[in-house]
Every structure is written in C-alpha cells, then in structure tokens.
PDB file of N, CA and C in Angstrom:
ATOM      1  N   MET A   1      51.942  20.987 -64.600  1.00  0.00           N
ATOM      2  CA  MET A   1      53.104  21.305 -63.812  1.00  0.00           C
ATOM      3  C   MET A   1      53.581  20.043 -63.118  1.00  0.00           C
ATOM      4  N   PRO A   2      54.831  19.748 -63.224  1.00  0.00           N
ATOM      5  CA  PRO A   2      55.359  18.541 -62.600  1.00  0.00           C
ATOM      6  C   PRO A   2      55.394  18.694 -61.083  1.00  0.00           C
ATOM      7  N   PRO A   3      55.176  17.610 -60.404  1.00  0.00           N
ATOM      8  CA  PRO A   3      55.181  17.698 -58.935  1.00  0.00           C
ATOM      9  C   PRO A   3      56.568  18.026 -58.412  1.00  0.00           C
ATOM     10  N   THR A   4      56.549  18.857 -57.404  1.00  0.00           N
ATOM     11  CA  THR A   4      57.833  19.222 -56.798  1.00  0.00           C
ATOM     12  C   THR A   4      58.233  18.160 -55.791  1.00  0.00           C
ATOM     13  N   SER A   5      59.393  18.271 -55.305  1.00  0.00           N
ATOM     14  CA  SER A   5      59.887  17.250 -54.390  1.00  0.00           C
ATOM     15  C   SER A   5      59.154  17.305 -53.042  1.00  0.00           C
ATOM     16  N   ASN A   6      58.683  18.495 -52.624  1.00  0.00           N
ATOM     17  CA  ASN A   6      57.963  18.596 -51.340  1.00  0.00           C
ATOM     18  C   ASN A   6      56.591  17.928 -51.404  1.00  0.00           C
ATOM     19  N   THR A   7      55.855  18.087 -52.491  1.00  0.00           N
ATOM     20  CA  THR A   7      54.507  17.516 -52.582  1.00  0.00           C
ATOM     21  C   THR A   7      54.544  16.008 -52.731  1.00  0.00           C
ATOM     22  N   THR A   8      55.484  15.462 -53.392  1.00  0.00           N
ATOM     23  CA  THR A   8      55.554  14.006 -53.557  1.00  0.00           C
ATOM     24  C   THR A   8      56.030  13.338 -52.276  1.00  0.00           C
ATOM     25  N   ARG A   9      56.758  14.024 -51.493  1.00  0.00           N
ATOM     26  CA  ARG A   9      57.280  13.415 -50.276  1.00  0.00           C
ATOM     27  C   ARG A   9      56.157  13.180 -49.251  1.00  0.00           C
ATOM     28  N   TYR A  10      55.165  14.094 -49.128  1.00  0.00           N
ATOM     29  CA  TYR A  10      54.113  13.993 -48.112  1.00  0.00           C
ATOM     30  C   TYR A  10      52.763  13.565 -48.689  1.00  0.00           C
ATOM     31  N   ALA A  11      52.659  13.239 -49.904  1.00  0.00           N
ATOM     32  CA  ALA A  11      51.370  12.988 -50.561  1.00  0.00           C
ATOM     33  C   ALA A  11      50.707  11.709 -50.078  1.00  0.00           C
ATOM     34  N   ASP A  12      51.356  10.616 -49.851  1.00  0.00           N
ATOM     35  CA  ASP A  12      50.732   9.328 -49.553  1.00  0.00           C
ATOM     36  C   ASP A  12      50.968   8.874 -48.113  1.00  0.00           C
ATOM     37  N   GLN A  13      51.105   9.767 -47.170  1.00  0.00           N
ATOM     38  CA  GLN A  13      51.348   9.328 -45.796  1.00  0.00           C
ATOM     39  C   GLN A  13      50.062   8.853 -45.106  1.00  0.00           C
ATOM     40  N   VAL A  14      48.886   9.380 -45.448  1.00  0.00           N
ATOM     41  CA  VAL A  14      47.620   8.961 -44.855  1.00  0.00           C
ATOM     42  C   VAL A  14      46.974   7.989 -45.826  1.00  0.00           C
ATOM     43  N   SER A  15      46.882   6.731 -45.377  1.00  0.00           N
ATOM     44  CA  SER A  15      46.327   5.713 -46.268  1.00  0.00           C
ATOM     45  C   SER A  15      44.800   5.658 -46.143  1.00  0.00           C
ATOM     46  N   PHE A  16      44.185   4.982 -47.081  1.00  0.00           N
ATOM     47  CA  PHE A  16      42.731   4.836 -47.111  1.00  0.00           C
ATOM     48  C   PHE A  16      42.250   4.019 -45.904  1.00  0.00           C
ATOM     49  N   ALA A  17      42.993   2.990 -45.536  1.00  0.00           N
ATOM     50  CA  ALA A  17      42.618   2.154 -44.388  1.00  0.00           C
ATOM     51  C   ALA A  17      42.632   2.964 -43.096  1.00  0.00           C
ATOM     52  N   PHE A  18      43.590   3.856 -42.954  1.00  0.00           N
ATOM     53  CA  PHE A  18      43.667   4.710 -41.766  1.00  0.00           C
ATOM     54  C   PHE A  18      42.469   5.651 -41.704  1.00  0.00           C
ATOM     55  N   LEU A  19      42.048   6.206 -42.827  1.00  0.00           N
ATOM     56  CA  LEU A  19      40.869   7.068 -42.864  1.00  0.00           C
ATOM     57  C   LEU A  19      39.605   6.291 -42.483  1.00  0.00           C
ATOM     58  N   VAL A  20      39.506   5.039 -42.948  1.00  0.00           N
ATOM     59  CA  VAL A  20      38.353   4.207 -42.595  1.00  0.00           C
ATOM     60  C   VAL A  20      38.332   3.959 -41.096  1.00  0.00           C
ATOM     61  N   TRP A  21      39.507   3.677 -40.515  1.00  0.00           N
ATOM     62  CA  TRP A  21      39.568   3.462 -39.065  1.00  0.00           C
ATOM     63  C   TRP A  21      39.185   4.720 -38.295  1.00  0.00           C
ATOM     64  N   ILE A  22      39.589   5.871 -38.752  1.00  0.00           N
ATOM     65  CA  ILE A  22      39.239   7.140 -38.080  1.00  0.00           C
ATOM     66  C   ILE A  22      37.730   7.377 -38.150  1.00  0.00           C
ATOM     67  N   VAL A  23      37.134   7.142 -39.300  1.00  0.00           N
ATOM     68  CA  VAL A  23      35.683   7.326 -39.451  1.00  0.00           C
ATOM     69  C   VAL A  23      34.946   6.311 -38.574  1.00  0.00           C
ATOM     70  N   ALA A  24      35.401   5.064 -38.564  1.00  0.00           N
ATOM     71  CA  ALA A  24      34.758   4.040 -37.733  1.00  0.00           C
ATOM     72  C   ALA A  24      34.862   4.401 -36.253  1.00  0.00           C
ATOM     73  N   PHE A  25      36.004   4.914 -35.832  1.00  0.00           N
ATOM     74  CA  PHE A  25      36.186   5.328 -34.441  1.00  0.00           C
ATOM     75  C   PHE A  25      35.264   6.497 -34.097  1.00  0.00           C
ATOM     76  N   ALA A  26      35.143   7.459 -35.015  1.00  0.00           N
ATOM     77  CA  ALA A  26      34.264   8.600 -34.777  1.00  0.00           C
ATOM     78  C   ALA A  26      32.796   8.147 -34.667  1.00  0.00           C
ATOM     79  N   VAL A  27      32.392   7.222 -35.522  1.00  0.00           N
ATOM     80  CA  VAL A  27      31.018   6.698 -35.462  1.00  0.00           C
ATOM     81  C   VAL A  27      30.805   5.948 -34.147  1.00  0.00           C
ATOM     82  N   LEU A  28      31.776   5.150 -33.747  1.00  0.00           N
ATOM     83  CA  LEU A  28      31.668   4.390 -32.499  1.00  0.00           C
ATOM     84  C   LEU A  28      31.554   5.320 -31.289  1.00  0.00           C
ATOM     85  N   VAL A  29      32.382   6.348 -31.250  1.00  0.00           N
ATOM     86  CA  VAL A  29      32.325   7.297 -30.135  1.00  0.00           C
ATOM     87  C   VAL A  29      30.995   8.046 -30.144  1.00  0.00           C
ATOM     88  N   SER A  30      30.507   8.418 -31.302  1.00  0.00           N
ATOM     89  CA  SER A  30      29.226   9.120 -31.400  1.00  0.00           C
ATOM     90  C   SER A  30      28.081   8.245 -30.919  1.00  0.00           C
ATOM     91  N   VAL A  31      28.048   7.002 -31.367  1.00  0.00           N
ATOM     92  CA  VAL A  31      26.991   6.080 -30.940  1.00  0.00           C
ATOM     93  C   VAL A  31      27.064   5.843 -29.435  1.00  0.00           C
ATOM     94  N   GLY A  32      28.272   5.715 -28.915  1.00  0.00           N
ATOM     95  CA  GLY A  32      28.429   5.544 -27.469  1.00  0.00           C
ATOM     96  C   GLY A  32      27.923   6.745 -26.697  1.00  0.00           C
ATOM     97  N   GLY A  33      28.222   7.931 -27.159  1.00  0.00           N
ATOM     98  CA  GLY A  33      27.754   9.137 -26.488  1.00  0.00           C
ATOM     99  C   GLY A  33      26.243   9.280 -26.536  1.00  0.00           C
ATOM    100  N   ILE A  34      25.658   8.974 -27.680  1.00  0.00           N
ATOM    101  CA  ILE A  34      24.199   9.060 -27.812  1.00  0.00           C
ATOM    102  C   ILE A  34      23.530   8.007 -26.930  1.00  0.00           C
ATOM    103  N   SER A  35      24.089   6.798 -26.917  1.00  0.00           N
ATOM    104  CA  SER A  35      23.539   5.741 -26.065  1.00  0.00           C
ATOM    105  C   SER A  35      23.621   6.130 -24.594  1.00  0.00           C
ATOM    106  N   TYR A  36      24.743   6.696 -24.181  1.00  0.00           N
ATOM    107  CA  TYR A  36      24.904   7.131 -22.795  1.00  0.00           C
ATOM    108  C   TYR A  36      23.869   8.199 -22.450  1.00  0.00           C
ATOM    109  N   ALA A  37      23.665   9.161 -23.336  1.00  0.00           N
ATOM    110  CA  ALA A  37      22.693  10.218 -23.077  1.00  0.00           C
ATOM    111  C   ALA A  37      21.282   9.655 -22.958  1.00  0.00           C
ATOM    112  N   LEU A  38      20.916   8.723 -23.826  1.00  0.00           N
ATOM    113  CA  LEU A  38      19.579   8.132 -23.768  1.00  0.00           C
ATOM    114  C   LEU A  38      19.392   7.326 -22.490  1.00  0.00           C
ATOM    115  N   LEU A  39      20.383   6.528 -22.110  1.00  0.00           N
ATOM    116  CA  LEU A  39      20.279   5.737 -20.888  1.00  0.00           C
ATOM    117  C   LEU A  39      20.234   6.629 -19.653  1.00  0.00           C
ATOM    118  N   LYS A  40      21.006   7.695 -19.651  1.00  0.00           N
ATOM    119  CA  LYS A  40      20.992   8.626 -18.525  1.00  0.00           C
ATOM    120  C   LYS A  40      19.637   9.313 -18.414  1.00  0.00           C
ATOM    121  N   ASN A  41      19.043   9.659 -19.551  1.00  0.00           N
ATOM    122  CA  ASN A  41      17.717  10.280 -19.555  1.00  0.00           C
ATOM    123  C   ASN A  41      16.684   9.312 -18.989  1.00  0.00           C
ATOM    124  N   ASP A  42      16.751   8.037 -19.384  1.00  0.00           N
ATOM    125  CA  ASP A  42      15.839   7.037 -18.835  1.00  0.00           C
ATOM    126  C   ASP A  42      16.039   6.877 -17.332  1.00  0.00           C
ATOM    127  N   GLN A  43      17.291   6.905 -16.902  1.00  0.00           N
ATOM    128  CA  GLN A  43      17.590   6.771 -15.476  1.00  0.00           C
ATOM    129  C   GLN A  43      16.992   7.938 -14.687  1.00  0.00           C
ATOM    130  N   VAL A  44      17.117   9.138 -15.203  1.00  0.00           N
ATOM    131  CA  VAL A  44      16.556  10.316 -14.533  1.00  0.00           C
ATOM    132  C   VAL A  44      15.038  10.226 -14.499  1.00  0.00           C
ATOM    133  N   ALA A  45      14.426   9.758 -15.588  1.00  0.00           N
ATOM    134  CA  ALA A  45      12.967   9.619 -15.623  1.00  0.00           C
ATOM    135  C   ALA A  45      12.494   8.593 -14.595  1.00  0.00           C
ATOM    136  N   VAL A  46      13.190   7.476 -14.471  1.00  0.00           N
ATOM    137  CA  VAL A  46      12.812   6.453 -13.496  1.00  0.00           C
ATOM    138  C   VAL A  46      13.012   6.977 -12.081  1.00  0.00           C
ATOM    139  N   ARG A  47      14.093   7.686 -11.833  1.00  0.00           N
ATOM    140  CA  ARG A  47      14.345   8.256 -10.507  1.00  0.00           C
ATOM    141  C   ARG A  47      13.249   9.246 -10.138  1.00  0.00           C
ATOM    142  N   THR A  48      12.821  10.054 -11.099  1.00  0.00           N
ATOM    143  CA  THR A  48      11.743  11.013 -10.850  1.00  0.00           C
ATOM    144  C   THR A  48      10.446  10.281 -10.528  1.00  0.00           C
ATOM    145  N   GLU A  49      10.151   9.228 -11.262  1.00  0.00           N
ATOM    146  CA  GLU A  49       8.931   8.450 -11.007  1.00  0.00           C
ATOM    147  C   GLU A  49       8.987   7.793  -9.629  1.00  0.00           C
ATOM    148  N   ILE A  50      10.142   7.272  -9.246  1.00  0.00           N
ATOM    149  CA  ILE A  50      10.297   6.661  -7.924  1.00  0.00           C
ATOM    150  C   ILE A  50      10.083   7.705  -6.839  1.00  0.00           C
ATOM    151  N   ASN A  51      10.649   8.893  -7.012  1.00  0.00           N
ATOM    152  CA  ASN A  51      10.463   9.957  -6.023  1.00  0.00           C
ATOM    153  C   ASN A  51       8.996  10.352  -5.908  1.00  0.00           C
ATOM    154  N   ASN A  52       8.298  10.443  -7.037  1.00  0.00           N
ATOM    155  CA  ASN A  52       6.876  10.776  -7.007  1.00  0.00           C
ATOM    156  C   ASN A  52       6.074   9.703  -6.272  1.00  0.00           C
ATOM    157  N   LEU A  53       6.402   8.432  -6.534  1.00  0.00           N
ATOM    158  CA  LEU A  53       5.705   7.342  -5.850  1.00  0.00           C
ATOM    159  C   LEU A  53       5.994   7.340  -4.355  1.00  0.00           C
ATOM    160  N   GLN A  54       7.232   7.633  -3.977  1.00  0.00           N
ATOM    161  CA  GLN A  54       7.573   7.692  -2.556  1.00  0.00           C
ATOM    162  C   GLN A  54       6.829   8.824  -1.858  1.00  0.00           C
ATOM    163  N   GLN A  55       6.698   9.966  -2.535  1.00  0.00           N
ATOM    164  CA  GLN A  55       5.935  11.071  -1.956  1.00  0.00           C
ATOM    165  C   GLN A  55       4.467  10.703  -1.817  1.00  0.00           C
ATOM    166  N   GLU A  56       3.920  10.008  -2.805  1.00  0.00           N
ATOM    167  CA  GLU A  56       2.519   9.586  -2.736  1.00  0.00           C
ATOM    168  C   GLU A  56       2.312   8.575  -1.613  1.00  0.00           C
ATOM    169  N   ILE A  57       3.253   7.651  -1.446  1.00  0.00           N
ATOM    170  CA  ILE A  57       3.160   6.676  -0.353  1.00  0.00           C
ATOM    171  C   ILE A  57       3.222   7.387   0.997  1.00  0.00           C
ATOM    172  N   ALA A  58       4.125   8.363   1.122  1.00  0.00           N
ATOM    173  CA  ALA A  58       4.237   9.101   2.383  1.00  0.00           C
ATOM    174  C   ALA A  58       2.952   9.871   2.678  1.00  0.00           C
ATOM    175  N   ALA A  59       2.361  10.481   1.653  1.00  0.00           N
ATOM    176  CA  ALA A  59       1.119  11.227   1.856  1.00  0.00           C
ATOM    177  C   ALA A  59      -0.012  10.288   2.262  1.00  0.00           C
ATOM    178  N   ARG A  60      -0.091   9.131   1.625  1.00  0.00           N
ATOM    179  CA  ARG A  60      -1.157   8.178   1.977  1.00  0.00           C
ATOM    180  C   ARG A  60      -0.938   7.587   3.355  1.00  0.00           C
ATOM    181  N   THR A  61       0.307   7.354   3.740  1.00  0.00           N
ATOM    182  CA  THR A  61       0.593   6.866   5.084  1.00  0.00           C
ATOM    183  C   THR A  61       0.190   7.908   6.122  1.00  0.00           C
ATOM    184  N   LEU A  62       0.490   9.161   5.841  1.00  0.00           N
ATOM    185  CA  LEU A  62       0.099  10.247   6.746  1.00  0.00           C
ATOM    186  C   LEU A  62      -1.415  10.323   6.855  1.00  0.00           C
ATOM    187  N   ASN A  63      -2.123  10.213   5.715  1.00  0.00           N
ATOM    188  CA  ASN A  63      -3.586  10.238   5.744  1.00  0.00           C
ATOM    189  C   ASN A  63      -4.139   9.075   6.554  1.00  0.00           C
ATOM    190  N   THR A  64      -3.534   7.892   6.399  1.00  0.00           N
ATOM    191  CA  THR A  64      -3.978   6.725   7.156  1.00  0.00           C
ATOM    192  C   THR A  64      -3.760   6.933   8.648  1.00  0.00           C
ATOM    193  N   ASN A  65      -2.594   7.455   9.014  1.00  0.00           N
ATOM    194  CA  ASN A  65      -2.313   7.713  10.430  1.00  0.00           C
ATOM    195  C   ASN A  65      -3.274   8.748  11.007  1.00  0.00           C
ATOM    196  N   GLN A  66      -3.559   9.794  10.228  1.00  0.00           N
ATOM    197  CA  GLN A  66      -4.495  10.811  10.691  1.00  0.00           C
ATOM    198  C   GLN A  66      -5.891  10.219  10.845  1.00  0.00           C
ATOM    199  N   HIS A  67      -6.293   9.368   9.888  1.00  0.00           N
ATOM    200  CA  HIS A  67      -7.609   8.734   9.978  1.00  0.00           C
ATOM    201  C   HIS A  67      -7.696   7.832  11.209  1.00  0.00           C
ATOM    202  N   ASN A  68      -6.640   7.055  11.458  1.00  0.00           N
ATOM    203  CA  ASN A  68      -6.630   6.176  12.632  1.00  0.00           C
ATOM    204  C   ASN A  68      -6.699   6.982  13.924  1.00  0.00           C
ATOM    205  N   ALA A  69      -5.960   8.081  13.981  1.00  0.00           N
ATOM    206  CA  ALA A  69      -5.998   8.923  15.178  1.00  0.00           C
ATOM    207  C   ALA A  69      -7.384   9.528  15.374  1.00  0.00           C
ATOM    208  N   LYS A  70      -8.002   9.960  14.271  1.00  0.00           N
ATOM    209  CA  LYS A  70      -9.342  10.530  14.359  1.00  0.00           C
ATOM    210  C   LYS A  70     -10.350   9.468  14.788  1.00  0.00           C
ATOM    211  N   ALA A  71     -10.222   8.257  14.233  1.00  0.00           N
ATOM    212  CA  ALA A  71     -11.123   7.167  14.615  1.00  0.00           C
ATOM    213  C   ALA A  71     -10.938   6.796  16.080  1.00  0.00           C
ATOM    214  N   ASN A  72      -9.703   6.766  16.553  1.00  0.00           N
ATOM    215  CA  ASN A  72      -9.448   6.466  17.959  1.00  0.00           C
ATOM    216  C   ASN A  72     -10.039   7.537  18.863  1.00  0.00           C
ATOM    217  N   ALA A  73      -9.920   8.791  18.432  1.00  0.00           N
ATOM    218  CA  ALA A  73     -10.480   9.878  19.229  1.00  0.00           C
ATOM    219  C   ALA A  73     -12.010   9.804  19.249  1.00  0.00           C
ATOM    220  N   MET A  74     -12.606   9.407  18.131  1.00  0.00           N
ATOM    221  CA  MET A  74     -14.071   9.344  18.067  1.00  0.00           C
ATOM    222  C   MET A  74     -14.623   8.156  18.853  1.00  0.00           C
ATOM    223  N   THR A  75     -13.850   7.095  18.995  1.00  0.00           N
ATOM    224  CA  THR A  75     -14.337   5.916  19.707  1.00  0.00           C
ATOM    225  C   THR A  75     -13.862   5.870  21.158  1.00  0.00           C
ATOM    226  N   ASN A  76     -13.172   6.886  21.609  1.00  0.00           N
ATOM    227  CA  ASN A  76     -12.759   6.958  22.998  1.00  0.00           C
ATOM    228  C   ASN A  76     -14.007   7.085  23.871  1.00  0.00           C
ATOM    229  N   ARG A  77     -14.084   6.253  24.890  1.00  0.00           N
ATOM    230  CA  ARG A  77     -15.319   6.221  25.689  1.00  0.00           C
ATOM    231  C   ARG A  77     -15.591   7.552  26.360  1.00  0.00           C
ATOM    232  N   TRP A  78     -14.567   8.266  26.766  1.00  0.00           N
ATOM    233  CA  TRP A  78     -14.782   9.550  27.446  1.00  0.00           C
ATOM    234  C   TRP A  78     -15.236  10.608  26.443  1.00  0.00           C
ATOM    235  N   GLU A  79     -14.709  10.534  25.230  1.00  0.00           N
ATOM    236  CA  GLU A  79     -15.160  11.458  24.188  1.00  0.00           C
ATOM    237  C   GLU A  79     -16.613  11.196  23.813  1.00  0.00           C
ATOM    238  N   VAL A  80     -16.974   9.926  23.720  1.00  0.00           N
ATOM    239  CA  VAL A  80     -18.360   9.577  23.385  1.00  0.00           C
ATOM    240  C   VAL A  80     -19.295  10.076  24.481  1.00  0.00           C
ATOM    241  N   ARG A  81     -18.910   9.877  25.718  1.00  0.00           N
ATOM    242  CA  ARG A  81     -19.738  10.362  26.835  1.00  0.00           C
ATOM    243  C   ARG A  81     -19.880  11.878  26.792  1.00  0.00           C
ATOM    244  N   GLY A  82     -18.779  12.549  26.495  1.00  0.00           N
ATOM    245  CA  GLY A  82     -18.841  14.010  26.402  1.00  0.00           C
ATOM    246  C   GLY A  82     -19.752  14.473  25.280  1.00  0.00           C
ATOM    247  N   ARG A  83     -19.663  13.825  24.115  1.00  0.00           N
ATOM    248  CA  ARG A  83     -20.537  14.195  22.993  1.00  0.00           C
ATOM    249  C   ARG A  83     -21.997  13.905  23.301  1.00  0.00           C
ATOM    250  N   LEU A  84     -22.254  12.782  23.981  1.00  0.00           N
ATOM    251  CA  LEU A  84     -23.634  12.470  24.357  1.00  0.00           C
ATOM    252  C   LEU A  84     -24.189  13.509  25.326  1.00  0.00           C
ATOM    253  N   ASP A  85     -23.351  13.965  26.259  1.00  0.00           N
ATOM    254  CA  ASP A  85     -23.796  15.007  27.191  1.00  0.00           C
ATOM    255  C   ASP A  85     -24.062  16.313  26.460  1.00  0.00           C
ATOM    256  N   LEU A  86     -23.172  16.663  25.510  1.00  0.00           N
ATOM    257  CA  LEU A  86     -23.375  17.898  24.751  1.00  0.00           C
ATOM    258  C   LEU A  86     -24.634  17.838  23.893  1.00  0.00           C
ATOM    259  N   ASP A  87     -24.931  16.650  23.351  1.00  0.00           N
ATOM    260  CA  ASP A  87     -26.119  16.492  22.513  1.00  0.00           C
ATOM    261  C   ASP A  87     -27.387  16.284  23.325  1.00  0.00           C
ATOM    262  N   ARG A  88     -27.249  16.237  24.657  1.00  0.00           N
ATOM    263  CA  ARG A  88     -28.379  15.988  25.565  1.00  0.00           C
ATOM    264  C   ARG A  88     -29.115  14.698  25.178  1.00  0.00           C
ATOM    265  N   SER A  89     -28.327  13.657  24.958  1.00  0.00           N
ATOM    266  CA  SER A  89     -28.877  12.375  24.553  1.00  0.00           C
ATOM    267  C   SER A  89     -29.492  11.653  25.751  1.00  0.00           C
ATOM    268  N   ASP A  90     -30.441  10.767  25.488  1.00  0.00           N
ATOM    269  CA  ASP A  90     -31.055   9.957  26.530  1.00  0.00           C
ATOM    270  C   ASP A  90     -30.196   8.761  26.907  1.00  0.00           C
ATOM    271  N   LEU A  91     -29.154   8.491  26.140  1.00  0.00           N
ATOM    272  CA  LEU A  91     -28.280   7.362  26.437  1.00  0.00           C
ATOM    273  C   LEU A  91     -27.457   7.668  27.684  1.00  0.00           C
ATOM    274  N   ARG A  92     -27.394   6.714  28.587  1.00  0.00           N
ATOM    275  CA  ARG A  92     -26.648   6.891  29.829  1.00  0.00           C
ATOM    276  C   ARG A  92     -25.759   5.676  30.069  1.00  0.00           C
ATOM    277  N   ASP A  93     -24.846   5.811  31.023  1.00  0.00           N
ATOM    278  CA  ASP A  93     -23.965   4.702  31.397  1.00  0.00           C
ATOM    279  C   ASP A  93     -24.785   3.577  32.024  1.00  0.00           C
ATOM    280  N   ILE A  94     -24.266   2.374  31.892  1.00  0.00           N
ATOM    281  CA  ILE A  94     -24.876   1.232  32.556  1.00  0.00           C
ATOM    282  C   ILE A  94     -23.868   0.649  33.527  1.00  0.00           C
ATOM    283  N   ASN A  95     -24.390  -0.010  34.545  1.00  0.00           N
ATOM    284  CA  ASN A  95     -23.517  -0.646  35.527  1.00  0.00           C
ATOM    285  C   ASN A  95     -22.995  -1.953  34.966  1.00  0.00           C
ATOM    286  N   ARG A  96     -21.881  -2.401  35.479  1.00  0.00           N
ATOM    287  CA  ARG A  96     -21.297  -3.650  34.999  1.00  0.00           C
ATOM    288  C   ARG A  96     -22.198  -4.841  35.309  1.00  0.00           C
ATOM    289  N   ASN A  97     -22.926  -4.803  36.388  1.00  0.00           N
ATOM    290  CA  ASN A  97     -23.760  -5.948  36.731  1.00  0.00           C
ATOM    291  C   ASN A  97     -24.995  -6.041  35.832  1.00  0.00           C
ATOM    292  N   GLN A  98     -25.220  -5.057  34.986  1.00  0.00           N
ATOM    293  CA  GLN A  98     -26.336  -5.105  34.043  1.00  0.00           C
ATOM    294  C   GLN A  98     -25.943  -5.759  32.710  1.00  0.00           C
ATOM    295  N   ILE A  99     -24.669  -6.057  32.514  1.00  0.00           N
ATOM    296  CA  ILE A  99     -24.183  -6.616  31.257  1.00  0.00           C
ATOM    297  C   ILE A  99     -24.391  -8.124  31.261  1.00  0.00           C
ATOM    298  N   GLU A 100     -24.978  -8.626  30.193  1.00  0.00           N
ATOM    299  CA  GLU A 100     -25.173 -10.063  30.045  1.00  0.00           C
ATOM    300  C   GLU A 100     -24.217 -10.574  28.962  1.00  0.00           C
ATOM    301  N   LEU A 101     -23.587 -11.699  29.237  1.00  0.00           N
ATOM    302  CA  LEU A 101     -22.686 -12.315  28.277  1.00  0.00           C
ATOM    303  C   LEU A 101     -23.410 -13.488  27.653  1.00  0.00           C
ATOM    304  N   ALA A 102     -23.567 -13.487  26.343  1.00  0.00           N
ATOM    305  CA  ALA A 102     -24.295 -14.551  25.659  1.00  0.00           C
ATOM    306  C   ALA A 102     -23.357 -15.270  24.704  1.00  0.00           C
ATOM    307  N   ARG A 103     -23.614 -16.570  24.546  1.00  0.00           N
ATOM    308  CA  ARG A 103     -22.814 -17.379  23.639  1.00  0.00           C
ATOM    309  C   ARG A 103     -23.765 -18.122  22.718  1.00  0.00           C
ATOM    310  N   ARG A 104     -23.408 -18.216  21.439  1.00  0.00           N
ATOM    311  CA  ARG A 104     -24.261 -18.907  20.472  1.00  0.00           C
ATOM    312  C   ARG A 104     -24.110 -20.415  20.659  1.00  0.00           C
ATOM    313  N   LEU A 105     -25.248 -21.066  20.780  1.00  0.00           N
ATOM    314  CA  LEU A 105     -25.253 -22.525  20.836  1.00  0.00           C
ATOM    315  C   LEU A 105     -25.428 -23.053  19.423  1.00  0.00           C
ATOM    316  N   GLN A 106     -25.134 -24.312  19.207  1.00  0.00           N
ATOM    317  CA  GLN A 106     -25.223 -24.892  17.866  1.00  0.00           C
ATOM    318  C   GLN A 106     -26.682 -24.923  17.409  1.00  0.00           C
ATOM    319  N   ASP A 107     -27.025 -24.046  16.491  1.00  0.00           N
ATOM    320  CA  ASP A 107     -28.340 -23.975  15.854  1.00  0.00           C
ATOM    321  C   ASP A 107     -29.503 -23.926  16.845  1.00  0.00           C
ATOM    322  N   ARG A 108     -29.278 -23.483  18.072  1.00  0.00           N
ATOM    323  CA  ARG A 108     -30.370 -23.414  19.039  1.00  0.00           C
ATOM    324  C   ARG A 108     -30.562 -22.005  19.586  1.00  0.00           C
ATOM    325  N   GLY A 109     -29.929 -21.026  19.020  1.00  0.00           N
ATOM    326  CA  GLY A 109     -30.069 -19.665  19.527  1.00  0.00           C
ATOM    327  C   GLY A 109     -28.937 -19.308  20.472  1.00  0.00           C
ATOM    328  N   PHE A 110     -29.266 -18.448  21.436  1.00  0.00           N
ATOM    329  CA  PHE A 110     -28.258 -17.961  22.375  1.00  0.00           C
ATOM    330  C   PHE A 110     -28.544 -18.472  23.762  1.00  0.00           C
ATOM    331  N   ALA A 111     -27.518 -18.615  24.551  1.00  0.00           N
ATOM    332  CA  ALA A 111     -27.648 -18.985  25.944  1.00  0.00           C
ATOM    333  C   ALA A 111     -26.965 -17.928  26.794  1.00  0.00           C
ATOM    334  N   VAL A 112     -27.623 -17.485  27.845  1.00  0.00           N
ATOM    335  CA  VAL A 112     -27.043 -16.482  28.744  1.00  0.00           C
ATOM    336  C   VAL A 112     -26.050 -17.200  29.645  1.00  0.00           C
ATOM    337  N   ILE A 113     -24.839 -16.705  29.670  1.00  0.00           N
ATOM    338  CA  ILE A 113     -23.791 -17.341  30.472  1.00  0.00           C
ATOM    339  C   ILE A 113     -23.707 -16.705  31.844  1.00  0.00           C
ATOM    340  N   SER A 114     -23.697 -15.386  31.899  1.00  0.00           N
ATOM    341  CA  SER A 114     -23.591 -14.728  33.195  1.00  0.00           C
ATOM    342  C   SER A 114     -24.378 -13.429  33.161  1.00  0.00           C
ATOM    343  N   ARG A 115     -24.741 -13.005  34.355  1.00  0.00           N
ATOM    344  CA  ARG A 115     -25.434 -11.716  34.509  1.00  0.00           C
ATOM    345  C   ARG A 115     -24.613 -10.766  35.292  1.00  0.00           C
TER     346      ARG A 115
END
C-alpha cells in the first residue's frame, strides 16, 4: 500500500540523534537520583552513629560525675567519722598538736620539721 500524505508528512520528525539525547538524559537523571539516594543514606547512617556516640558520651559523663560525687561523699571527714562511730571502730580523732610534719632529706631519710 502506498504511503498516504498524512503518514509521510509526520514520519521523520524525530531524528535518531534526538532519541540518543533523550536516552542519555534519562540515564543521567537516573544516575543522579541513585547517587543522591546513596549519599543521603550514608548521611543518615553517619548522623545516627554521631547521635549514638553523643548519647554514650553523655552517659559516661553522668557516670563519671556520679562516681566523683560518691567518692567525695565517701572521703568527707564527717562521713568518715560517722561511719567509724557506726562501726564502733577504735580509730579516734587526733589533736592538731599531735601531727608531725616530715620532709625527705637527700638520701638520708626523713627529718621532723615541726610538732
């Protein structure tokens, strides 16, 4: 069947080069979208890891502060005296005039400085 006038008029409007450009553009957009998704996923993973590390640092800081407070409470002189009284210990307070201050001499032992 011979081509009609309508089919010959619109048959060659889309060239091969134009189709190649459309396919190349589609591939470029697809690669860009996939790259964006992968980079965004990595960004979310890093943000999650940073948040986990910050929570761990906060927990360890809290533990350190609690330990320091507990150590301060245990070494408080009034607390120690109270615990010694509760334990009925033989250890008692000493007067200040009973304290001796000693200083190390060069390879000769200790010397009493004051009584």
